């Protein structure tokens, strides 16, 4: 391991993150009673310009009036390129209760964007003597943001998570798609002709690089990487496949833009009983090997060593976190 110590962000269960428009307060109670780990009340894309002010009022009232249980509660503010953003931050933090945990910053392009919001939040917290320190969630959803993702991840001690905003990212990079996440038939490899002159088509994941790069930036700075929305909420199998790919790459969670996606995200982003059982067996086997002065041992026909311990500990700790939620 490097001599440099990566400081981990505040631990939160973040398997599912439910998006709720601030302009639809009738949905707040249902969101609070859902199985989502995190709920973010939205002031940005899901709210029409004429509804921004009322949505802000709805959210401020709901933060204090509704019982959100043990969920983490976030508010997605408008972008720094709009005239709504400063009022989102000022009104929410000056008027809402201390129940709020996080602010989600959309379309982060540079580390300076994070610095600007941090400055404003810090001043309000100090002036209002707010008891709870607000954390930041940041959406990487532009080419500029992806270019600067490593600097963004390290821009503030408030940073807790990076999220991949696939739709705006596709628009920013001029990707040839109109879907919000998922596979694309044109992103495929055509094999060379086989012996019978037939050829096969193998689809790929066009978002693999973007998510993998975001995961590296997040983990190198102690943050949680979270995969963003999947637009086709009528296709649970495709949602689970997308979530599983993100999980394999290191993401801790995925957005739910529809209540039906919450259970799917929680399922995919939780280690299975079989995985946890094997992880515990690895830890036990390595403990026995260590007592015998060995640095590696065979388990079920496979080599395990100290790297295996670190992998197993991640799964066991995640299972314990879920059990204690």
C-alpha atoms as a PDB file:
ATOM      1  CA  UNK A   1       0.000   0.000   0.000  1.00  0.00           C
ATOM      2  CA  UNK A   2       1.037   3.577  -0.604  1.00  0.00           C
ATOM      3  CA  UNK A   3       2.325   5.663   2.284  1.00  0.00           C
ATOM      4  CA  UNK A   4      -0.428   8.134   1.359  1.00  0.00           C
ATOM      5  CA  UNK A   5      -3.532   7.481   3.440  1.00  0.00           C
ATOM      6  CA  UNK A   6      -6.894   7.833   1.682  1.00  0.00           C
ATOM      7  CA  UNK A   7      -9.398   9.361   4.084  1.00  0.00           C
ATOM      8  CA  UNK A   8     -12.793   7.728   3.707  1.00  0.00           C
ATOM      9  CA  UNK A   9     -15.969   9.785   3.467  1.00  0.00           C
ATOM     10  CA  UNK A  10     -18.684   9.386   6.070  1.00  0.00           C
ATOM     11  CA  UNK A  11     -20.070   5.871   5.647  1.00  0.00           C
ATOM     12  CA  UNK A  12     -23.652   5.695   4.404  1.00  0.00           C
ATOM     13  CA  UNK A  13     -25.656   2.864   2.952  1.00  0.00           C
ATOM     14  CA  UNK A  14     -26.097   3.959  -0.657  1.00  0.00           C
ATOM     15  CA  UNK A  15     -27.403   0.938  -2.590  1.00  0.00           C
ATOM     16  CA  UNK A  16     -30.464   2.743  -3.917  1.00  0.00           C
ATOM     17  CA  UNK A  17     -30.985   6.474  -4.370  1.00  0.00           C
ATOM     18  CA  UNK A  18     -34.542   7.553  -5.123  1.00  0.00           C
ATOM     19  CA  UNK A  19     -35.168  10.707  -7.148  1.00  0.00           C
ATOM     20  CA  UNK A  20     -38.264  12.698  -6.117  1.00  0.00           C
ATOM     21  CA  UNK A  21     -39.352  15.911  -7.907  1.00  0.00           C
ATOM     22  CA  UNK A  22     -39.692  18.819  -5.508  1.00  0.00           C
ATOM     23  CA  UNK A  23     -42.736  19.991  -7.441  1.00  0.00           C
ATOM     24  CA  UNK A  24     -44.676  16.836  -6.509  1.00  0.00           C
ATOM     25  CA  UNK A  25     -45.047  16.928  -2.706  1.00  0.00           C
ATOM     26  CA  UNK A  26     -47.672  14.171  -2.849  1.00  0.00           C
ATOM     27  CA  UNK A  27     -44.773  11.784  -3.492  1.00  0.00           C
ATOM     28  CA  UNK A  28     -42.749  12.755  -0.427  1.00  0.00           C
ATOM     29  CA  UNK A  29     -44.478  10.528   2.140  1.00  0.00           C
ATOM     30  CA  UNK A  30     -44.250   7.495  -0.145  1.00  0.00           C
ATOM     31  CA  UNK A  31     -40.556   8.158  -0.661  1.00  0.00           C
ATOM     32  CA  UNK A  32     -40.010   8.419   3.094  1.00  0.00           C
ATOM     33  CA  UNK A  33     -41.705   5.053   3.640  1.00  0.00           C
ATOM     34  CA  UNK A  34     -39.896   3.335   0.771  1.00  0.00           C
ATOM     35  CA  UNK A  35     -36.941   0.965   1.071  1.00  0.00           C
ATOM     36  CA  UNK A  36     -34.546   3.426  -0.590  1.00  0.00           C
ATOM     37  CA  UNK A  37     -31.294   4.032   1.285  1.00  0.00           C
ATOM     38  CA  UNK A  38     -31.050   7.633   0.078  1.00  0.00           C
ATOM     39  CA  UNK A  39     -33.748  10.020  -1.147  1.00  0.00           C
ATOM     40  CA  UNK A  40     -32.895  13.137  -3.081  1.00  0.00           C
ATOM     41  CA  UNK A  41     -35.508  15.836  -3.446  1.00  0.00           C
ATOM     42  CA  UNK A  42     -34.988  17.427  -6.822  1.00  0.00           C
ATOM     43  CA  UNK A  43     -34.963  21.125  -7.690  1.00  0.00           C
ATOM     44  CA  UNK A  44     -33.200  20.687 -11.031  1.00  0.00           C
ATOM     45  CA  UNK A  45     -34.150  18.693 -14.137  1.00  0.00           C
ATOM     46  CA  UNK A  46     -37.418  17.242 -12.824  1.00  0.00           C
ATOM     47  CA  UNK A  47     -38.836  20.702 -12.040  1.00  0.00           C
ATOM     48  CA  UNK A  48     -40.090  23.151 -14.676  1.00  0.00           C
ATOM     49  CA  UNK A  49     -38.723  26.718 -14.484  1.00  0.00           C
ATOM     50  CA  UNK A  50     -42.057  28.187 -13.415  1.00  0.00           C
ATOM     51  CA  UNK A  51     -42.279  25.667 -10.563  1.00  0.00           C
ATOM     52  CA  UNK A  52     -38.777  26.179  -9.098  1.00  0.00           C
ATOM     53  CA  UNK A  53     -39.754  28.598  -6.332  1.00  0.00           C
ATOM     54  CA  UNK A  54     -42.710  26.536  -5.111  1.00  0.00           C
ATOM     55  CA  UNK A  55     -40.693  23.310  -5.312  1.00  0.00           C
ATOM     56  CA  UNK A  56     -38.086  24.918  -3.055  1.00  0.00           C
ATOM     57  CA  UNK A  57     -40.773  25.791  -0.518  1.00  0.00           C
ATOM     58  CA  UNK A  58     -42.192  22.275  -0.695  1.00  0.00           C
ATOM     59  CA  UNK A  59     -38.808  20.750   0.013  1.00  0.00           C
ATOM     60  CA  UNK A  60     -37.977  23.091   2.889  1.00  0.00           C
ATOM     61  CA  UNK A  61     -41.234  22.194   4.609  1.00  0.00           C
ATOM     62  CA  UNK A  62     -40.910  18.467   3.912  1.00  0.00           C
ATOM     63  CA  UNK A  63     -37.399  18.195   5.335  1.00  0.00           C
ATOM     64  CA  UNK A  64     -38.675  19.091   8.788  1.00  0.00           C
ATOM     65  CA  UNK A  65     -42.264  17.857   8.683  1.00  0.00           C
ATOM     66  CA  UNK A  66     -41.879  14.337   7.301  1.00  0.00           C
ATOM     67  CA  UNK A  67     -40.399  11.414   9.195  1.00  0.00           C
ATOM     68  CA  UNK A  68     -37.609  10.219   6.905  1.00  0.00           C
ATOM     69  CA  UNK A  69     -36.628   7.384   9.225  1.00  0.00           C
ATOM     70  CA  UNK A  70     -33.013   6.260   8.913  1.00  0.00           C
ATOM     71  CA  UNK A  71     -32.675   7.347   5.293  1.00  0.00           C
ATOM     72  CA  UNK A  72     -30.015   9.762   4.144  1.00  0.00           C
ATOM     73  CA  UNK A  73     -31.759  12.866   2.792  1.00  0.00           C
ATOM     74  CA  UNK A  74     -30.379  14.999  -0.027  1.00  0.00           C
ATOM     75  CA  UNK A  75     -31.477  17.965  -2.122  1.00  0.00           C
ATOM     76  CA  UNK A  76     -30.359  18.348  -5.726  1.00  0.00           C
ATOM     77  CA  UNK A  77     -29.822  22.036  -6.357  1.00  0.00           C
ATOM     78  CA  UNK A  78     -29.825  23.700  -9.752  1.00  0.00           C
ATOM     79  CA  UNK A  79     -26.619  24.104 -11.719  1.00  0.00           C
ATOM     80  CA  UNK A  80     -24.076  26.820 -11.083  1.00  0.00           C
ATOM     81  CA  UNK A  81     -24.827  28.235 -14.536  1.00  0.00           C
ATOM     82  CA  UNK A  82     -28.388  29.132 -13.484  1.00  0.00           C
ATOM     83  CA  UNK A  83     -29.770  31.947 -11.363  1.00  0.00           C
ATOM     84  CA  UNK A  84     -31.681  29.437  -9.243  1.00  0.00           C
ATOM     85  CA  UNK A  85     -28.672  27.838  -7.583  1.00  0.00           C
ATOM     86  CA  UNK A  86     -27.712  30.438  -4.978  1.00  0.00           C
ATOM     87  CA  UNK A  87     -31.298  30.732  -3.772  1.00  0.00           C
ATOM     88  CA  UNK A  88     -31.579  26.934  -3.560  1.00  0.00           C
ATOM     89  CA  UNK A  89     -28.589  26.767  -1.225  1.00  0.00           C
ATOM     90  CA  UNK A  90     -29.425  29.858   0.834  1.00  0.00           C
ATOM     91  CA  UNK A  91     -33.123  29.159   1.342  1.00  0.00           C
ATOM     92  CA  UNK A  92     -32.762  25.444   2.035  1.00  0.00           C
ATOM     93  CA  UNK A  93     -29.923  25.802   4.537  1.00  0.00           C
ATOM     94  CA  UNK A  94     -31.308  28.900   6.233  1.00  0.00           C
ATOM     95  CA  UNK A  95     -34.883  27.672   6.512  1.00  0.00           C
ATOM     96  CA  UNK A  96     -34.855  23.858   6.570  1.00  0.00           C
ATOM     97  CA  UNK A  97     -34.232  21.763   9.658  1.00  0.00           C
ATOM     98  CA  UNK A  98     -31.001  19.960  10.474  1.00  0.00           C
ATOM     99  CA  UNK A  99     -32.534  16.704   9.182  1.00  0.00           C
ATOM    100  CA  UNK A 100     -30.919  17.361   5.776  1.00  0.00           C
ATOM    101  CA  UNK A 101     -27.757  15.321   5.220  1.00  0.00           C
ATOM    102  CA  UNK A 102     -26.518  16.127   1.721  1.00  0.00           C
ATOM    103  CA  UNK A 103     -26.558  18.545  -1.181  1.00  0.00           C
ATOM    104  CA  UNK A 104     -26.325  17.090  -4.663  1.00  0.00           C
ATOM    105  CA  UNK A 105     -24.453  19.309  -7.134  1.00  0.00           C
ATOM    106  CA  UNK A 106     -25.377  18.655 -10.777  1.00  0.00           C
ATOM    107  CA  UNK A 107     -23.187  18.964 -13.853  1.00  0.00           C
ATOM    108  CA  UNK A 108     -19.987  19.592 -11.907  1.00  0.00           C
ATOM    109  CA  UNK A 109     -17.372  20.642 -14.450  1.00  0.00           C
ATOM    110  CA  UNK A 110     -14.373  21.777 -12.416  1.00  0.00           C
ATOM    111  CA  UNK A 111     -13.061  21.671  -8.874  1.00  0.00           C
ATOM    112  CA  UNK A 112     -13.913  25.385  -8.632  1.00  0.00           C
ATOM    113  CA  UNK A 113     -17.603  24.530  -8.927  1.00  0.00           C
ATOM    114  CA  UNK A 114     -17.359  22.447  -5.758  1.00  0.00           C
ATOM    115  CA  UNK A 115     -15.290  25.141  -4.041  1.00  0.00           C
ATOM    116  CA  UNK A 116     -17.954  27.752  -4.800  1.00  0.00           C
ATOM    117  CA  UNK A 117     -20.764  25.716  -3.248  1.00  0.00           C
ATOM    118  CA  UNK A 118     -18.547  24.782  -0.297  1.00  0.00           C
ATOM    119  CA  UNK A 119     -17.840  28.448   0.408  1.00  0.00           C
ATOM    120  CA  UNK A 120     -21.535  29.309   0.377  1.00  0.00           C
ATOM    121  CA  UNK A 121     -22.562  26.334   2.516  1.00  0.00           C
ATOM    122  CA  UNK A 122     -19.794  26.982   5.049  1.00  0.00           C
ATOM    123  CA  UNK A 123     -20.810  30.612   5.482  1.00  0.00           C
ATOM    124  CA  UNK A 124     -24.457  29.688   6.023  1.00  0.00           C
ATOM    125  CA  UNK A 125     -23.642  26.902   8.473  1.00  0.00           C
ATOM    126  CA  UNK A 126     -21.480  29.263  10.492  1.00  0.00           C
ATOM    127  CA  UNK A 127     -23.944  32.158  10.416  1.00  0.00           C
ATOM    128  CA  UNK A 128     -26.933  29.971  11.310  1.00  0.00           C
ATOM    129  CA  UNK A 129     -25.060  27.755  13.745  1.00  0.00           C
ATOM    130  CA  UNK A 130     -26.288  24.637  11.971  1.00  0.00           C
ATOM    131  CA  UNK A 131     -25.460  21.527  13.977  1.00  0.00           C
ATOM    132  CA  UNK A 132     -25.028  19.018  11.154  1.00  0.00           C
ATOM    133  CA  UNK A 133     -22.260  19.373   8.582  1.00  0.00           C
ATOM    134  CA  UNK A 134     -23.694  19.027   5.076  1.00  0.00           C
ATOM    135  CA  UNK A 135     -22.013  16.541   2.729  1.00  0.00           C
ATOM    136  CA  UNK A 136     -21.784  16.780  -1.054  1.00  0.00           C
ATOM    137  CA  UNK A 137     -22.920  14.423  -3.775  1.00  0.00           C
ATOM    138  CA  UNK A 138     -21.594  15.378  -7.206  1.00  0.00           C
ATOM    139  CA  UNK A 139     -22.905  14.300 -10.585  1.00  0.00           C
ATOM    140  CA  UNK A 140     -20.358  13.761 -13.349  1.00  0.00           C
ATOM    141  CA  UNK A 141     -22.468  14.306 -16.453  1.00  0.00           C
ATOM    142  CA  UNK A 142     -20.428  16.363 -18.904  1.00  0.00           C
ATOM    143  CA  UNK A 143     -17.246  15.898 -20.887  1.00  0.00           C
ATOM    144  CA  UNK A 144     -15.699  18.716 -18.843  1.00  0.00           C
ATOM    145  CA  UNK A 145     -16.621  16.997 -15.600  1.00  0.00           C
ATOM    146  CA  UNK A 146     -15.170  13.693 -16.739  1.00  0.00           C
ATOM    147  CA  UNK A 147     -11.982  15.402 -17.851  1.00  0.00           C
ATOM    148  CA  UNK A 148     -11.614  16.936 -14.383  1.00  0.00           C
ATOM    149  CA  UNK A 149     -13.144  14.110 -12.338  1.00  0.00           C
ATOM    150  CA  UNK A 150     -10.036  13.470 -10.233  1.00  0.00           C
ATOM    151  CA  UNK A 151      -9.692  17.126  -9.220  1.00  0.00           C
ATOM    152  CA  UNK A 152     -13.441  17.321  -8.532  1.00  0.00           C
ATOM    153  CA  UNK A 153     -13.301  14.276  -6.273  1.00  0.00           C
ATOM    154  CA  UNK A 154     -10.592  15.933  -4.158  1.00  0.00           C
ATOM    155  CA  UNK A 155     -12.055  19.454  -4.150  1.00  0.00           C
ATOM    156  CA  UNK A 156     -13.732  19.492  -0.726  1.00  0.00           C
ATOM    157  CA  UNK A 157     -13.746  17.697   2.609  1.00  0.00           C
ATOM    158  CA  UNK A 158     -17.531  17.676   2.271  1.00  0.00           C
ATOM    159  CA  UNK A 159     -17.390  15.355  -0.737  1.00  0.00           C
ATOM    160  CA  UNK A 160     -19.034  11.993  -0.149  1.00  0.00           C
ATOM    161  CA  UNK A 161     -20.009  10.506  -3.498  1.00  0.00           C
ATOM    162  CA  UNK A 162     -19.679  10.741  -7.280  1.00  0.00           C
ATOM    163  CA  UNK A 163     -22.629   9.878  -9.514  1.00  0.00           C
ATOM    164  CA  UNK A 164     -22.670   9.129 -13.239  1.00  0.00           C
ATOM    165  CA  UNK A 165     -25.337  11.152 -15.051  1.00  0.00           C
ATOM    166  CA  UNK A 166     -25.608   9.153 -18.248  1.00  0.00           C
ATOM    167  CA  UNK A 167     -28.209  11.226 -20.137  1.00  0.00           C
ATOM    168  CA  UNK A 168     -26.489  14.607 -19.935  1.00  0.00           C
ATOM    169  CA  UNK A 169     -23.122  12.907 -20.406  1.00  0.00           C
ATOM    170  CA  UNK A 170     -24.378  11.376 -23.656  1.00  0.00           C
ATOM    171  CA  UNK A 171     -25.556  14.794 -24.821  1.00  0.00           C
ATOM    172  CA  UNK A 172     -22.299  16.458 -23.801  1.00  0.00           C
ATOM    173  CA  UNK A 173     -20.150  13.914 -25.645  1.00  0.00           C
ATOM    174  CA  UNK A 174     -22.506  13.876 -28.660  1.00  0.00           C
ATOM    175  CA  UNK A 175     -23.049  10.152 -28.193  1.00  0.00           C
ATOM    176  CA  UNK A 176     -25.412   8.701 -30.785  1.00  0.00           C
ATOM    177  CA  UNK A 177     -28.185   7.581 -28.479  1.00  0.00           C
ATOM    178  CA  UNK A 178     -31.455   8.877 -27.079  1.00  0.00           C
ATOM    179  CA  UNK A 179     -31.766   6.289 -24.316  1.00  0.00           C
ATOM    180  CA  UNK A 180     -31.030   6.960 -20.661  1.00  0.00           C
ATOM    181  CA  UNK A 181     -28.504   4.231 -19.964  1.00  0.00           C
ATOM    182  CA  UNK A 182     -28.587   0.658 -21.153  1.00  0.00           C
ATOM    183  CA  UNK A 183     -27.147  -1.145 -24.136  1.00  0.00           C
ATOM    184  CA  UNK A 184     -26.857   0.039 -27.732  1.00  0.00           C
ATOM    185  CA  UNK A 185     -26.955  -2.314 -30.712  1.00  0.00           C
ATOM    186  CA  UNK A 186     -24.414  -0.192 -32.574  1.00  0.00           C
ATOM    187  CA  UNK A 187     -21.838  -0.567 -29.803  1.00  0.00           C
ATOM    188  CA  UNK A 188     -20.838  -4.071 -30.821  1.00  0.00           C
ATOM    189  CA  UNK A 189     -18.016  -6.146 -32.243  1.00  0.00           C
ATOM    190  CA  UNK A 190     -18.485  -8.213 -35.399  1.00  0.00           C
ATOM    191  CA  UNK A 191     -16.346 -11.325 -35.288  1.00  0.00           C
ATOM    192  CA  UNK A 192     -14.209 -12.505 -38.165  1.00  0.00           C
ATOM    193  CA  UNK A 193     -15.890 -15.207 -40.322  1.00  0.00           C
ATOM    194  CA  UNK A 194     -15.912 -18.619 -38.671  1.00  0.00           C
ATOM    195  CA  UNK A 195     -15.226 -21.907 -40.447  1.00  0.00           C
ATOM    196  CA  UNK A 196     -18.744 -21.960 -41.872  1.00  0.00           C
ATOM    197  CA  UNK A 197     -18.445 -18.270 -42.878  1.00  0.00           C
ATOM    198  CA  UNK A 198     -20.926 -17.248 -40.199  1.00  0.00           C
ATOM    199  CA  UNK A 199     -20.202 -14.221 -38.029  1.00  0.00           C
ATOM    200  CA  UNK A 200     -21.357 -13.258 -34.567  1.00  0.00           C
ATOM    201  CA  UNK A 201     -22.221  -9.919 -33.026  1.00  0.00           C
ATOM    202  CA  UNK A 202     -21.122  -9.232 -29.433  1.00  0.00           C
ATOM    203  CA  UNK A 203     -22.706  -6.227 -27.789  1.00  0.00           C
ATOM    204  CA  UNK A 204     -20.598  -4.099 -25.488  1.00  0.00           C
ATOM    205  CA  UNK A 205     -21.257  -1.596 -22.702  1.00  0.00           C
ATOM    206  CA  UNK A 206     -20.770   1.876 -24.137  1.00  0.00           C
ATOM    207  CA  UNK A 207     -20.653   3.374 -20.611  1.00  0.00           C
ATOM    208  CA  UNK A 208     -17.922   1.071 -19.311  1.00  0.00           C
ATOM    209  CA  UNK A 209     -15.059   3.553 -19.613  1.00  0.00           C
ATOM    210  CA  UNK A 210     -16.965   6.469 -18.101  1.00  0.00           C
ATOM    211  CA  UNK A 211     -18.144   4.517 -15.071  1.00  0.00           C
ATOM    212  CA  UNK A 212     -14.760   2.864 -14.552  1.00  0.00           C
ATOM    213  CA  UNK A 213     -12.979   6.222 -14.653  1.00  0.00           C
ATOM    214  CA  UNK A 214     -15.453   7.727 -12.188  1.00  0.00           C
ATOM    215  CA  UNK A 215     -15.028   4.758  -9.846  1.00  0.00           C
ATOM    216  CA  UNK A 216     -11.253   5.187  -9.797  1.00  0.00           C
ATOM    217  CA  UNK A 217     -11.550   8.899  -8.995  1.00  0.00           C
ATOM    218  CA  UNK A 218     -14.088   8.207  -6.257  1.00  0.00           C
ATOM    219  CA  UNK A 219     -12.188   5.385  -4.577  1.00  0.00           C
ATOM    220  CA  UNK A 220      -8.845   7.195  -4.799  1.00  0.00           C
ATOM    221  CA  UNK A 221     -10.421   9.966  -2.732  1.00  0.00           C
ATOM    222  CA  UNK A 222     -12.457   7.849  -0.327  1.00  0.00           C
ATOM    223  CA  UNK A 223     -15.817   8.594  -1.969  1.00  0.00           C
ATOM    224  CA  UNK A 224     -18.761   6.363  -2.877  1.00  0.00           C
ATOM    225  CA  UNK A 225     -19.254   5.817  -6.634  1.00  0.00           C
ATOM    226  CA  UNK A 226     -22.929   5.565  -7.619  1.00  0.00           C
ATOM    227  CA  UNK A 227     -24.377   4.744 -11.029  1.00  0.00           C
ATOM    228  CA  UNK A 228     -27.101   7.097 -12.188  1.00  0.00           C
ATOM    229  CA  UNK A 229     -30.500   6.665 -13.836  1.00  0.00           C
ATOM    230  CA  UNK A 230     -31.857   3.920 -16.060  1.00  0.00           C
ATOM    231  CA  UNK A 231     -34.688   5.359 -18.106  1.00  0.00           C
ATOM    232  CA  UNK A 232     -36.695   2.283 -19.072  1.00  0.00           C
ATOM    233  CA  UNK A 233     -38.393   1.526 -15.761  1.00  0.00           C
ATOM    234  CA  UNK A 234     -40.628  -1.044 -17.493  1.00  0.00           C
ATOM    235  CA  UNK A 235     -37.611  -3.322 -18.092  1.00  0.00           C
ATOM    236  CA  UNK A 236     -36.440  -4.634 -14.705  1.00  0.00           C
ATOM    237  CA  UNK A 237     -34.110  -7.221 -16.243  1.00  0.00           C
ATOM    238  CA  UNK A 238     -32.184  -4.568 -18.179  1.00  0.00           C
ATOM    239  CA  UNK A 239     -32.029  -2.388 -15.052  1.00  0.00           C
ATOM    240  CA  UNK A 240     -30.561  -5.254 -13.041  1.00  0.00           C
ATOM    241  CA  UNK A 241     -28.040  -5.988 -15.780  1.00  0.00           C
ATOM    242  CA  UNK A 242     -26.906  -2.364 -15.852  1.00  0.00           C
ATOM    243  CA  UNK A 243     -26.705  -2.229 -12.062  1.00  0.00           C
ATOM    244  CA  UNK A 244     -24.733  -5.482 -11.961  1.00  0.00           C
ATOM    245  CA  UNK A 245     -22.173  -4.141 -14.467  1.00  0.00           C
ATOM    246  CA  UNK A 246     -21.761  -1.013 -12.348  1.00  0.00           C
ATOM    247  CA  UNK A 247     -21.404  -3.096  -9.189  1.00  0.00           C
ATOM    248  CA  UNK A 248     -18.727  -5.282 -10.766  1.00  0.00           C
ATOM    249  CA  UNK A 249     -16.771  -2.131 -11.613  1.00  0.00           C
ATOM    250  CA  UNK A 250     -16.980  -0.925  -8.010  1.00  0.00           C
ATOM    251  CA  UNK A 251     -20.154   1.172  -7.709  1.00  0.00           C
ATOM    252  CA  UNK A 252     -21.947   1.029  -4.364  1.00  0.00           C
ATOM    253  CA  UNK A 253     -25.382   1.945  -5.619  1.00  0.00           C
ATOM    254  CA  UNK A 254     -27.691   3.006  -8.409  1.00  0.00           C
ATOM    255  CA  UNK A 255     -30.414   5.589  -8.826  1.00  0.00           C
ATOM    256  CA  UNK A 256     -34.084   4.702  -8.814  1.00  0.00           C
ATOM    257  CA  UNK A 257     -36.165   7.059 -10.936  1.00  0.00           C
ATOM    258  CA  UNK A 258     -39.249   4.923 -10.283  1.00  0.00           C
ATOM    259  CA  UNK A 259     -40.252   3.190  -7.024  1.00  0.00           C
ATOM    260  CA  UNK A 260     -40.143  -0.193  -8.757  1.00  0.00           C
ATOM    261  CA  UNK A 261     -36.385   0.187  -9.208  1.00  0.00           C
ATOM    262  CA  UNK A 262     -35.627   0.515  -5.480  1.00  0.00           C
ATOM    263  CA  UNK A 263     -35.864  -3.175  -4.630  1.00  0.00           C
ATOM    264  CA  UNK A 264     -33.901  -4.057  -7.764  1.00  0.00           C
ATOM    265  CA  UNK A 265     -31.045  -1.728  -6.823  1.00  0.00           C
ATOM    266  CA  UNK A 266     -31.012  -2.957  -3.225  1.00  0.00           C
ATOM    267  CA  UNK A 267     -30.865  -6.552  -4.421  1.00  0.00           C
ATOM    268  CA  UNK A 268     -28.081  -6.097  -6.950  1.00  0.00           C
ATOM    269  CA  UNK A 269     -25.986  -3.811  -4.776  1.00  0.00           C
ATOM    270  CA  UNK A 270     -26.134  -6.141  -1.761  1.00  0.00           C
ATOM    271  CA  UNK A 271     -23.694  -9.057  -1.550  1.00  0.00           C
ATOM    272  CA  UNK A 272     -25.495 -12.392  -1.775  1.00  0.00           C
ATOM    273  CA  UNK A 273     -25.558 -14.841   1.131  1.00  0.00           C
ATOM    274  CA  UNK A 274     -23.266 -17.138  -0.852  1.00  0.00           C
ATOM    275  CA  UNK A 275     -20.753 -14.331  -1.448  1.00  0.00           C
ATOM    276  CA  UNK A 276     -20.725 -13.358   2.219  1.00  0.00           C
ATOM    277  CA  UNK A 277     -20.354 -16.993   3.310  1.00  0.00           C
ATOM    278  CA  UNK A 278     -17.384 -17.490   1.001  1.00  0.00           C
ATOM    279  CA  UNK A 279     -15.829 -14.204   2.173  1.00  0.00           C
ATOM    280  CA  UNK A 280     -16.052 -15.357   5.779  1.00  0.00           C
ATOM    281  CA  UNK A 281     -14.491 -18.698   4.856  1.00  0.00           C
ATOM    282  CA  UNK A 282     -11.626 -16.824   3.191  1.00  0.00           C
ATOM    283  CA  UNK A 283     -11.016 -14.812   6.354  1.00  0.00           C
ATOM    284  CA  UNK A 284     -11.112 -17.951   8.474  1.00  0.00           C
ATOM    285  CA  UNK A 285      -8.766 -19.830   6.128  1.00  0.00           C
ATOM    286  CA  UNK A 286      -6.270 -16.976   6.061  1.00  0.00           C
ATOM    287  CA  UNK A 287      -6.393 -16.679   9.845  1.00  0.00           C
ATOM    288  CA  UNK A 288      -5.446 -20.339  10.106  1.00  0.00           C
ATOM    289  CA  UNK A 289      -2.721 -19.917   7.461  1.00  0.00           C
ATOM    290  CA  UNK A 290      -1.302 -16.928   9.308  1.00  0.00           C
ATOM    291  CA  UNK A 291      -1.125 -18.953  12.524  1.00  0.00           C
ATOM    292  CA  UNK A 292       0.966 -21.485  10.599  1.00  0.00           C
ATOM    293  CA  UNK A 293       3.261 -18.788   9.246  1.00  0.00           C
ATOM    294  CA  UNK A 294       1.849 -18.938   5.712  1.00  0.00           C
ATOM    295  CA  UNK A 295       1.053 -15.960   3.504  1.00  0.00           C
ATOM    296  CA  UNK A 296      -1.149 -17.905   1.106  1.00  0.00           C
ATOM    297  CA  UNK A 297      -3.326 -21.009   1.177  1.00  0.00           C
ATOM    298  CA  UNK A 298      -5.609 -23.013  -1.084  1.00  0.00           C
ATOM    299  CA  UNK A 299      -9.392 -22.860  -0.626  1.00  0.00           C
ATOM    300  CA  UNK A 300     -11.750 -24.824  -2.873  1.00  0.00           C
ATOM    301  CA  UNK A 301      -8.965 -25.317  -5.379  1.00  0.00           C
ATOM    302  CA  UNK A 302      -8.105 -21.609  -5.600  1.00  0.00           C
ATOM    303  CA  UNK A 303      -5.184 -19.625  -4.249  1.00  0.00           C
ATOM    304  CA  UNK A 304      -6.018 -17.014  -1.627  1.00  0.00           C
ATOM    305  CA  UNK A 305      -3.572 -14.566  -0.066  1.00  0.00           C
ATOM    306  CA  UNK A 306      -3.544 -11.211   1.727  1.00  0.00           C
ATOM    307  CA  UNK A 307      -5.190  -9.519  -1.268  1.00  0.00           C
ATOM    308  CA  UNK A 308      -8.015 -12.030  -0.847  1.00  0.00           C
ATOM    309  CA  UNK A 309      -8.420 -10.847   2.747  1.00  0.00           C
ATOM    310  CA  UNK A 310      -8.958  -7.278   1.615  1.00  0.00           C
ATOM    311  CA  UNK A 311     -11.544  -8.382  -0.957  1.00  0.00           C
ATOM    312  CA  UNK A 312     -13.352 -10.543   1.595  1.00  0.00           C
ATOM    313  CA  UNK A 313     -13.362  -7.803   4.220  1.00  0.00           C
ATOM    314  CA  UNK A 314     -15.164  -5.460   1.819  1.00  0.00           C
ATOM    315  CA  UNK A 315     -18.020  -7.946   1.411  1.00  0.00           C
ATOM    316  CA  UNK A 316     -18.268  -8.796   5.099  1.00  0.00           C
ATOM    317  CA  UNK A 317     -18.253  -5.132   6.119  1.00  0.00           C
ATOM    318  CA  UNK A 318     -20.944  -4.321   3.544  1.00  0.00           C
ATOM    319  CA  UNK A 319     -23.114  -7.168   4.848  1.00  0.00           C
ATOM    320  CA  UNK A 320     -22.704  -5.870   8.393  1.00  0.00           C
ATOM    321  CA  UNK A 321     -23.608  -2.354   7.305  1.00  0.00           C
ATOM    322  CA  UNK A 322     -26.785  -3.605   5.628  1.00  0.00           C
ATOM    323  CA  UNK A 323     -27.723  -5.739   8.640  1.00  0.00           C
ATOM    324  CA  UNK A 324     -27.338  -2.759  10.955  1.00  0.00           C
ATOM    325  CA  UNK A 325     -29.342  -0.357   8.771  1.00  0.00           C
END
